[in-house]
Amino acid sequence: MDPAVASLVVLGGAVALFLWNRLPVGVVAILVALALYATGVLDAEAALSGFGDPVVIFVASLFVVSEASTRRA
């Protein structure tokens, strides 16, 4: 399969999972990385390299703070 087509299919699946709103955002992100690795669009190092980025860690911490503030109220 062409990498561009595989990327668009995975992107469409991610959007559908976000709209369905049954899975947490982090799970969808991991599933997207695994799907891109499984289709051969990314190698293992590239698929997992984003999880160590400081911006990703910052956004994940924002999700934690948001969830904590929602449960407290």
C-alpha atoms as a PDB file:
ATOM      1  CA  MET A   1       0.000   0.000   0.000  1.00  0.00           C
ATOM      2  CA  ASP A   2       1.204   3.495  -0.790  1.00  0.00           C
ATOM      3  CA  PRO A   3       2.427   5.302   2.367  1.00  0.00           C
ATOM      4  CA  ALA A   4       0.269   8.343   1.596  1.00  0.00           C
ATOM      5  CA  VAL A   5      -2.872   6.228   1.338  1.00  0.00           C
ATOM      6  CA  ALA A   6      -1.988   4.315   4.505  1.00  0.00           C
ATOM      7  CA  SER A   7      -1.420   7.588   6.361  1.00  0.00           C
ATOM      8  CA  LEU A   8      -4.784   8.955   5.241  1.00  0.00           C
ATOM      9  CA  VAL A   9      -6.570   5.755   6.261  1.00  0.00           C
ATOM     10  CA  VAL A  10      -4.933   5.850   9.700  1.00  0.00           C
ATOM     11  CA  LEU A  11      -5.773   9.546  10.019  1.00  0.00           C
ATOM     12  CA  GLY A  12      -9.409   8.835   9.141  1.00  0.00           C
ATOM     13  CA  GLY A  13      -9.501   6.059  11.716  1.00  0.00           C
ATOM     14  CA  ALA A  14      -8.029   8.371  14.347  1.00  0.00           C
ATOM     15  CA  VAL A  15     -10.619  11.052  13.607  1.00  0.00           C
ATOM     16  CA  ALA A  16     -13.371   8.455  13.839  1.00  0.00           C
ATOM     17  CA  LEU A  17     -12.058   7.248  17.204  1.00  0.00           C
ATOM     18  CA  PHE A  18     -11.846  10.829  18.475  1.00  0.00           C
ATOM     19  CA  LEU A  19     -15.437  11.490  17.398  1.00  0.00           C
ATOM     20  CA  TRP A  20     -16.629   8.194  18.901  1.00  0.00           C
ATOM     21  CA  ASN A  21     -15.070   9.350  22.195  1.00  0.00           C
ATOM     22  CA  ARG A  22     -15.011   5.888  23.801  1.00  0.00           C
ATOM     23  CA  LEU A  23     -11.241   5.557  24.031  1.00  0.00           C
ATOM     24  CA  PRO A  24      -8.937   7.960  25.869  1.00  0.00           C
ATOM     25  CA  VAL A  25      -6.851  10.300  23.733  1.00  0.00           C
ATOM     26  CA  GLY A  26      -3.620   8.633  24.840  1.00  0.00           C
ATOM     27  CA  VAL A  27      -4.837   5.229  23.721  1.00  0.00           C
ATOM     28  CA  VAL A  28      -5.776   6.604  20.307  1.00  0.00           C
ATOM     29  CA  ALA A  29      -2.336   8.210  19.981  1.00  0.00           C
ATOM     30  CA  ILE A  30      -0.611   4.915  20.749  1.00  0.00           C
ATOM     31  CA  LEU A  31      -2.906   3.069  18.334  1.00  0.00           C
ATOM     32  CA  VAL A  32      -2.056   5.557  15.577  1.00  0.00           C
ATOM     33  CA  ALA A  33       1.672   5.092  16.159  1.00  0.00           C
ATOM     34  CA  LEU A  34       1.254   1.309  16.117  1.00  0.00           C
ATOM     35  CA  ALA A  35      -0.881   1.441  12.979  1.00  0.00           C
ATOM     36  CA  LEU A  36       1.692   3.571  11.156  1.00  0.00           C
ATOM     37  CA  TYR A  37       4.403   1.127  12.232  1.00  0.00           C
ATOM     38  CA  ALA A  38       2.307  -1.884  11.176  1.00  0.00           C
ATOM     39  CA  THR A  39       1.662  -0.420   7.726  1.00  0.00           C
ATOM     40  CA  GLY A  40       5.354   0.315   7.243  1.00  0.00           C
ATOM     41  CA  VAL A  41       4.964   4.087   7.060  1.00  0.00           C
ATOM     42  CA  LEU A  42       7.202   4.542  10.121  1.00  0.00           C
ATOM     43  CA  ASP A  43       9.985   2.443  11.568  1.00  0.00           C
ATOM     44  CA  ALA A  44       9.947   1.572  15.272  1.00  0.00           C
ATOM     45  CA  GLU A  45      12.318   4.364  16.275  1.00  0.00           C
ATOM     46  CA  ALA A  46      10.299   7.036  14.468  1.00  0.00           C
ATOM     47  CA  ALA A  47       6.990   5.686  15.776  1.00  0.00           C
ATOM     48  CA  LEU A  48       8.098   5.906  19.401  1.00  0.00           C
ATOM     49  CA  SER A  49      10.360   8.961  19.246  1.00  0.00           C
ATOM     50  CA  GLY A  50       7.532  11.462  19.729  1.00  0.00           C
ATOM     51  CA  PHE A  51       6.602  10.166  23.174  1.00  0.00           C
ATOM     52  CA  GLY A  52       9.842  11.544  24.623  1.00  0.00           C
ATOM     53  CA  ASP A  53       9.300  15.041  23.240  1.00  0.00           C
ATOM     54  CA  PRO A  54       8.812  17.685  25.960  1.00  0.00           C
ATOM     55  CA  VAL A  55       5.740  19.062  24.186  1.00  0.00           C
ATOM     56  CA  VAL A  56       4.039  15.663  24.304  1.00  0.00           C
ATOM     57  CA  ILE A  57       4.826  15.342  28.005  1.00  0.00           C
ATOM     58  CA  PHE A  58       3.452  18.856  28.584  1.00  0.00           C
ATOM     59  CA  VAL A  59       0.190  18.074  26.773  1.00  0.00           C
ATOM     60  CA  ALA A  60      -0.147  14.811  28.710  1.00  0.00           C
ATOM     61  CA  SER A  61       0.296  16.710  31.964  1.00  0.00           C
ATOM     62  CA  LEU A  62      -2.416  19.142  30.855  1.00  0.00           C
ATOM     63  CA  PHE A  63      -4.774  16.199  30.396  1.00  0.00           C
ATOM     64  CA  VAL A  64      -3.987  15.053  33.932  1.00  0.00           C
ATOM     65  CA  VAL A  65      -4.614  18.510  35.407  1.00  0.00           C
ATOM     66  CA  SER A  66      -7.821  18.874  33.386  1.00  0.00           C
ATOM     67  CA  GLU A  67      -9.134  15.528  34.567  1.00  0.00           C
ATOM     68  CA  ALA A  68      -8.230  16.329  38.169  1.00  0.00           C
ATOM     69  CA  SER A  69     -10.028  19.679  38.046  1.00  0.00           C
ATOM     70  CA  THR A  70     -13.092  18.055  36.487  1.00  0.00           C
ATOM     71  CA  ARG A  71     -13.336  15.385  39.176  1.00  0.00           C
ATOM     72  CA  ARG A  72     -12.824  17.857  41.981  1.00  0.00           C
ATOM     73  CA  ALA A  73     -15.739  20.056  40.996  1.00  0.00           C
END
